Amino acid sequence: MINEPRYTEMVAVLKAMAHSSRLFILDKLQEGEHCVCELTELIGADISTVSKHLSILRDAGLIGSTKKQNQVFYRLLCPCVLDFYSCMIKIKGDN
């Protein structure tokens, strides 16, 4: 079995991205910071579900957060991860 830390780290990122709501969140954060309340409204899910998605993305190192007064704002830490989107679209477009 392959036991290289870099592959384990890449798998964690891919698993974090492996949900349509989380891909949507990453896409929205490319536009700029958003608070949980904004993302909740955009996604159409309850705040606890969106918070869980944000936690998964944060744990994978894809997003960061800043608390401003009573709200937490999230931002994209690795915009290059969105380069993967165009690759996925090409793969699906070729089939």
N, C-alpha and C. Protein backbone atom coordinates (compact mmCIF):
# COMPACT_ATOMS: atom_id res chain seq x y z
N MET A 1 0.84 -1.19 0.00
CA MET A 1 0.00 0.00 0.00
C MET A 1 0.89 1.25 0.00
N ILE A 2 0.48 2.23 -0.78
CA ILE A 2 1.23 3.48 -0.86
C ILE A 2 0.97 4.29 0.40
N ASN A 3 2.05 4.70 1.04
CA ASN A 3 1.91 5.42 2.31
C ASN A 3 2.75 6.70 2.28
N GLU A 4 2.42 7.58 1.33
CA GLU A 4 3.12 8.86 1.23
C GLU A 4 2.21 9.96 1.74
N PRO A 5 2.70 10.80 2.63
CA PRO A 5 1.87 11.87 3.19
C PRO A 5 1.25 12.79 2.14
N ARG A 6 1.97 13.05 1.05
CA ARG A 6 1.41 13.98 0.05
C ARG A 6 0.16 13.42 -0.59
N TYR A 7 0.09 12.12 -0.79
CA TYR A 7 -1.12 11.53 -1.36
C TYR A 7 -2.26 11.56 -0.35
N THR A 8 -1.95 11.32 0.89
CA THR A 8 -2.96 11.39 1.94
C THR A 8 -3.54 12.79 2.04
N GLU A 9 -2.67 13.79 1.93
CA GLU A 9 -3.13 15.19 1.98
C GLU A 9 -3.99 15.53 0.77
N MET A 10 -3.60 15.04 -0.40
CA MET A 10 -4.40 15.30 -1.61
C MET A 10 -5.77 14.64 -1.51
N VAL A 11 -5.82 13.45 -0.97
CA VAL A 11 -7.10 12.76 -0.79
C VAL A 11 -8.00 13.56 0.14
N ALA A 12 -7.45 14.13 1.19
CA ALA A 12 -8.26 14.94 2.13
C ALA A 12 -8.88 16.14 1.41
N VAL A 13 -8.12 16.77 0.53
CA VAL A 13 -8.65 17.91 -0.23
C VAL A 13 -9.74 17.45 -1.19
N LEU A 14 -9.49 16.36 -1.90
CA LEU A 14 -10.48 15.86 -2.85
C LEU A 14 -11.77 15.43 -2.14
N LYS A 15 -11.63 14.79 -0.99
CA LYS A 15 -12.82 14.41 -0.23
C LYS A 15 -13.60 15.63 0.24
N ALA A 16 -12.88 16.67 0.64
CA ALA A 16 -13.55 17.90 1.08
C ALA A 16 -14.31 18.54 -0.07
N MET A 17 -13.81 18.41 -1.27
CA MET A 17 -14.47 19.00 -2.43
C MET A 17 -15.59 18.13 -2.99
N ALA A 18 -15.69 16.90 -2.52
CA ALA A 18 -16.59 15.92 -3.11
C ALA A 18 -18.05 16.06 -2.67
N HIS A 19 -18.57 17.27 -2.78
CA HIS A 19 -19.99 17.52 -2.47
C HIS A 19 -20.40 18.77 -3.23
N SER A 20 -21.55 18.73 -3.85
CA SER A 20 -21.98 19.87 -4.67
C SER A 20 -22.09 21.16 -3.88
N SER A 21 -22.55 21.10 -2.64
CA SER A 21 -22.66 22.32 -1.82
C SER A 21 -21.28 22.90 -1.51
N ARG A 22 -20.31 22.04 -1.27
CA ARG A 22 -18.96 22.53 -0.97
C ARG A 22 -18.30 23.11 -2.21
N LEU A 23 -18.54 22.51 -3.37
CA LEU A 23 -18.04 23.10 -4.61
C LEU A 23 -18.67 24.47 -4.84
N PHE A 24 -19.95 24.58 -4.56
CA PHE A 24 -20.66 25.85 -4.69
C PHE A 24 -20.07 26.90 -3.75
N ILE A 25 -19.80 26.49 -2.52
CA ILE A 25 -19.21 27.41 -1.53
C ILE A 25 -17.86 27.92 -2.02
N LEU A 26 -17.02 27.01 -2.51
CA LEU A 26 -15.71 27.42 -3.02
C LEU A 26 -15.87 28.41 -4.17
N ASP A 27 -16.82 28.14 -5.04
CA ASP A 27 -17.09 29.03 -6.17
C ASP A 27 -17.51 30.42 -5.69
N LYS A 28 -18.38 30.47 -4.69
CA LYS A 28 -18.86 31.75 -4.16
C LYS A 28 -17.74 32.50 -3.44
N LEU A 29 -16.89 31.78 -2.74
CA LEU A 29 -15.79 32.43 -2.02
C LEU A 29 -14.73 32.98 -2.97
N GLN A 30 -14.73 32.49 -4.20
CA GLN A 30 -13.83 33.05 -5.20
C GLN A 30 -14.20 34.52 -5.46
N GLU A 31 -15.47 34.85 -5.30
CA GLU A 31 -15.96 36.21 -5.52
C GLU A 31 -15.57 37.14 -4.38
N GLY A 32 -15.31 36.58 -3.21
CA GLY A 32 -14.96 37.37 -2.04
C GLY A 32 -15.50 36.72 -0.78
N GLU A 33 -15.25 37.37 0.36
CA GLU A 33 -15.70 36.83 1.65
C GLU A 33 -17.22 36.76 1.72
N HIS A 34 -17.69 35.75 2.44
CA HIS A 34 -19.12 35.59 2.71
C HIS A 34 -19.29 35.10 4.14
N CYS A 35 -20.34 35.55 4.77
CA CYS A 35 -20.66 35.04 6.11
C CYS A 35 -21.54 33.80 5.97
N VAL A 36 -21.67 33.08 7.07
CA VAL A 36 -22.48 31.86 7.08
C VAL A 36 -23.91 32.17 6.65
N CYS A 37 -24.45 33.28 7.13
CA CYS A 37 -25.84 33.62 6.82
C CYS A 37 -26.03 33.82 5.32
N GLU A 38 -25.08 34.45 4.64
CA GLU A 38 -25.18 34.63 3.19
C GLU A 38 -25.10 33.29 2.46
N LEU A 39 -24.16 32.46 2.88
CA LEU A 39 -24.01 31.15 2.23
C LEU A 39 -25.23 30.27 2.48
N THR A 40 -25.79 30.36 3.67
CA THR A 40 -26.99 29.58 3.99
C THR A 40 -28.12 29.96 3.06
N GLU A 41 -28.29 31.25 2.85
CA GLU A 41 -29.36 31.73 1.96
C GLU A 41 -29.10 31.29 0.52
N LEU A 42 -27.87 31.39 0.06
CA LEU A 42 -27.53 31.01 -1.31
C LEU A 42 -27.71 29.52 -1.56
N ILE A 43 -27.34 28.71 -0.59
CA ILE A 43 -27.43 27.26 -0.74
C ILE A 43 -28.85 26.76 -0.52
N GLY A 44 -29.57 27.42 0.37
CA GLY A 44 -30.94 26.99 0.68
C GLY A 44 -30.99 25.84 1.66
N ALA A 45 -30.00 25.78 2.53
CA ALA A 45 -29.95 24.73 3.57
C ALA A 45 -29.95 25.41 4.93
N ASP A 46 -30.10 24.61 5.97
CA ASP A 46 -30.09 25.20 7.31
C ASP A 46 -28.65 25.53 7.71
N ILE A 47 -28.54 26.40 8.68
CA ILE A 47 -27.22 26.92 9.09
C ILE A 47 -26.30 25.83 9.63
N SER A 48 -26.85 24.82 10.29
CA SER A 48 -25.99 23.76 10.83
C SER A 48 -25.37 22.93 9.70
N THR A 49 -26.11 22.71 8.63
CA THR A 49 -25.59 21.96 7.48
C THR A 49 -24.49 22.75 6.79
N VAL A 50 -24.74 24.03 6.57
CA VAL A 50 -23.73 24.88 5.92
C VAL A 50 -22.49 25.00 6.79
N SER A 51 -22.68 25.13 8.09
CA SER A 51 -21.55 25.21 9.02
C SER A 51 -20.70 23.95 8.95
N LYS A 52 -21.33 22.80 8.82
CA LYS A 52 -20.61 21.53 8.71
C LYS A 52 -19.79 21.50 7.43
N HIS A 53 -20.39 21.94 6.32
CA HIS A 53 -19.65 22.01 5.05
C HIS A 53 -18.44 22.93 5.18
N LEU A 54 -18.64 24.08 5.81
CA LEU A 54 -17.55 25.04 6.00
C LEU A 54 -16.44 24.44 6.87
N SER A 55 -16.82 23.71 7.87
CA SER A 55 -15.84 23.07 8.75
C SER A 55 -14.99 22.06 7.98
N ILE A 56 -15.60 21.30 7.11
CA ILE A 56 -14.88 20.31 6.30
C ILE A 56 -13.89 21.01 5.37
N LEU A 57 -14.34 22.09 4.74
CA LEU A 57 -13.46 22.85 3.85
C LEU A 57 -12.31 23.51 4.61
N ARG A 58 -12.61 24.01 5.80
CA ARG A 58 -11.58 24.64 6.62
C ARG A 58 -10.55 23.60 7.09
N ASP A 59 -11.03 22.44 7.52
CA ASP A 59 -10.13 21.38 7.99
C ASP A 59 -9.20 20.89 6.87
N ALA A 60 -9.66 20.98 5.62
CA ALA A 60 -8.84 20.57 4.48
C ALA A 60 -7.86 21.66 4.07
N GLY A 61 -7.98 22.85 4.68
CA GLY A 61 -7.07 23.94 4.37
C GLY A 61 -7.47 24.77 3.15
N LEU A 62 -8.71 24.59 2.69
CA LEU A 62 -9.16 25.31 1.50
C LEU A 62 -9.70 26.70 1.80
N ILE A 63 -10.25 26.88 3.00
CA ILE A 63 -10.82 28.17 3.36
C ILE A 63 -10.33 28.60 4.74
N GLY A 64 -10.43 29.88 4.99
CA GLY A 64 -10.10 30.44 6.30
C GLY A 64 -11.27 31.28 6.77
N SER A 65 -11.23 31.70 8.00
CA SER A 65 -12.33 32.49 8.55
C SER A 65 -11.80 33.63 9.41
N THR A 66 -12.63 34.66 9.50
CA THR A 66 -12.34 35.82 10.33
C THR A 66 -13.63 36.22 11.03
N LYS A 67 -13.54 36.44 12.33
CA LYS A 67 -14.73 36.87 13.08
C LYS A 67 -14.76 38.39 13.10
N LYS A 68 -15.90 38.94 12.70
CA LYS A 68 -16.14 40.39 12.72
C LYS A 68 -17.43 40.62 13.50
N GLN A 69 -17.27 41.17 14.66
CA GLN A 69 -18.38 41.37 15.60
C GLN A 69 -19.05 40.03 15.89
N ASN A 70 -20.29 39.86 15.51
CA ASN A 70 -21.01 38.62 15.82
C ASN A 70 -21.05 37.63 14.66
N GLN A 71 -20.37 37.94 13.57
CA GLN A 71 -20.43 37.07 12.40
C GLN A 71 -19.05 36.55 12.03
N VAL A 72 -19.04 35.38 11.43
CA VAL A 72 -17.81 34.78 10.94
C VAL A 72 -17.86 34.85 9.41
N PHE A 73 -16.79 35.40 8.84
CA PHE A 73 -16.69 35.51 7.40
C PHE A 73 -15.65 34.52 6.89
N TYR A 74 -15.98 33.88 5.78
CA TYR A 74 -15.10 32.86 5.21
C TYR A 74 -14.50 33.37 3.91
N ARG A 75 -13.26 32.94 3.66
CA ARG A 75 -12.56 33.34 2.45
C ARG A 75 -11.81 32.13 1.88
N LEU A 76 -11.59 32.17 0.60
CA LEU A 76 -10.86 31.12 -0.10
C LEU A 76 -9.37 31.31 0.12
N LEU A 77 -8.68 30.28 0.59
CA LEU A 77 -7.24 30.37 0.84
C LEU A 77 -6.41 29.92 -0.36
N CYS A 78 -6.97 29.03 -1.15
CA CYS A 78 -6.22 28.46 -2.28
C CYS A 78 -7.04 28.58 -3.56
N PRO A 79 -7.05 29.77 -4.16
CA PRO A 79 -7.83 29.96 -5.39
C PRO A 79 -7.45 28.99 -6.51
N CYS A 80 -6.23 28.50 -6.49
CA CYS A 80 -5.79 27.58 -7.54
C CYS A 80 -6.62 26.29 -7.56
N VAL A 81 -7.27 25.97 -6.46
CA VAL A 81 -8.08 24.75 -6.42
C VAL A 81 -9.23 24.84 -7.43
N LEU A 82 -9.63 26.05 -7.76
CA LEU A 82 -10.71 26.22 -8.72
C LEU A 82 -10.25 25.93 -10.15
N ASP A 83 -8.94 25.87 -10.37
CA ASP A 83 -8.43 25.46 -11.68
C ASP A 83 -8.88 24.03 -11.99
N PHE A 84 -9.11 23.28 -10.95
CA PHE A 84 -9.55 21.90 -11.10
C PHE A 84 -10.95 21.82 -11.71
N TYR A 85 -11.75 22.86 -11.53
CA TYR A 85 -13.10 22.90 -12.09
C TYR A 85 -13.07 22.74 -13.60
N SER A 86 -12.22 23.52 -14.27
CA SER A 86 -12.18 23.47 -15.72
C SER A 86 -11.73 22.09 -16.21
N CYS A 87 -10.86 21.48 -15.47
CA CYS A 87 -10.41 20.13 -15.81
C CYS A 87 -11.58 19.14 -15.70
N MET A 88 -12.35 19.23 -14.64
CA MET A 88 -13.50 18.34 -14.46
C MET A 88 -14.53 18.55 -15.56
N ILE A 89 -14.75 19.79 -15.94
CA ILE A 89 -15.72 20.09 -17.00
C ILE A 89 -15.25 19.48 -18.32
N LYS A 90 -13.97 19.55 -18.61
CA LYS A 90 -13.43 18.97 -19.83
C LYS A 90 -13.60 17.45 -19.82
N ILE A 91 -13.37 16.83 -18.68
CA ILE A 91 -13.53 15.37 -18.57
C ILE A 91 -14.97 14.98 -18.86
N LYS A 92 -15.90 15.67 -18.24
CA LYS A 92 -17.32 15.35 -18.45
C LYS A 92 -17.78 15.71 -19.86
N GLY A 93 -17.18 16.73 -20.45
CA GLY A 93 -17.56 17.16 -21.80
C GLY A 93 -17.07 16.22 -22.87
N ASP A 94 -16.01 15.46 -22.58
CA ASP A 94 -15.43 14.55 -23.57
C ASP A 94 -16.17 13.22 -23.66
N ASN A 95 -17.03 12.93 -22.70
CA ASN A 95 -17.73 11.64 -22.70
C ASN A 95 -18.97 11.66 -23.54
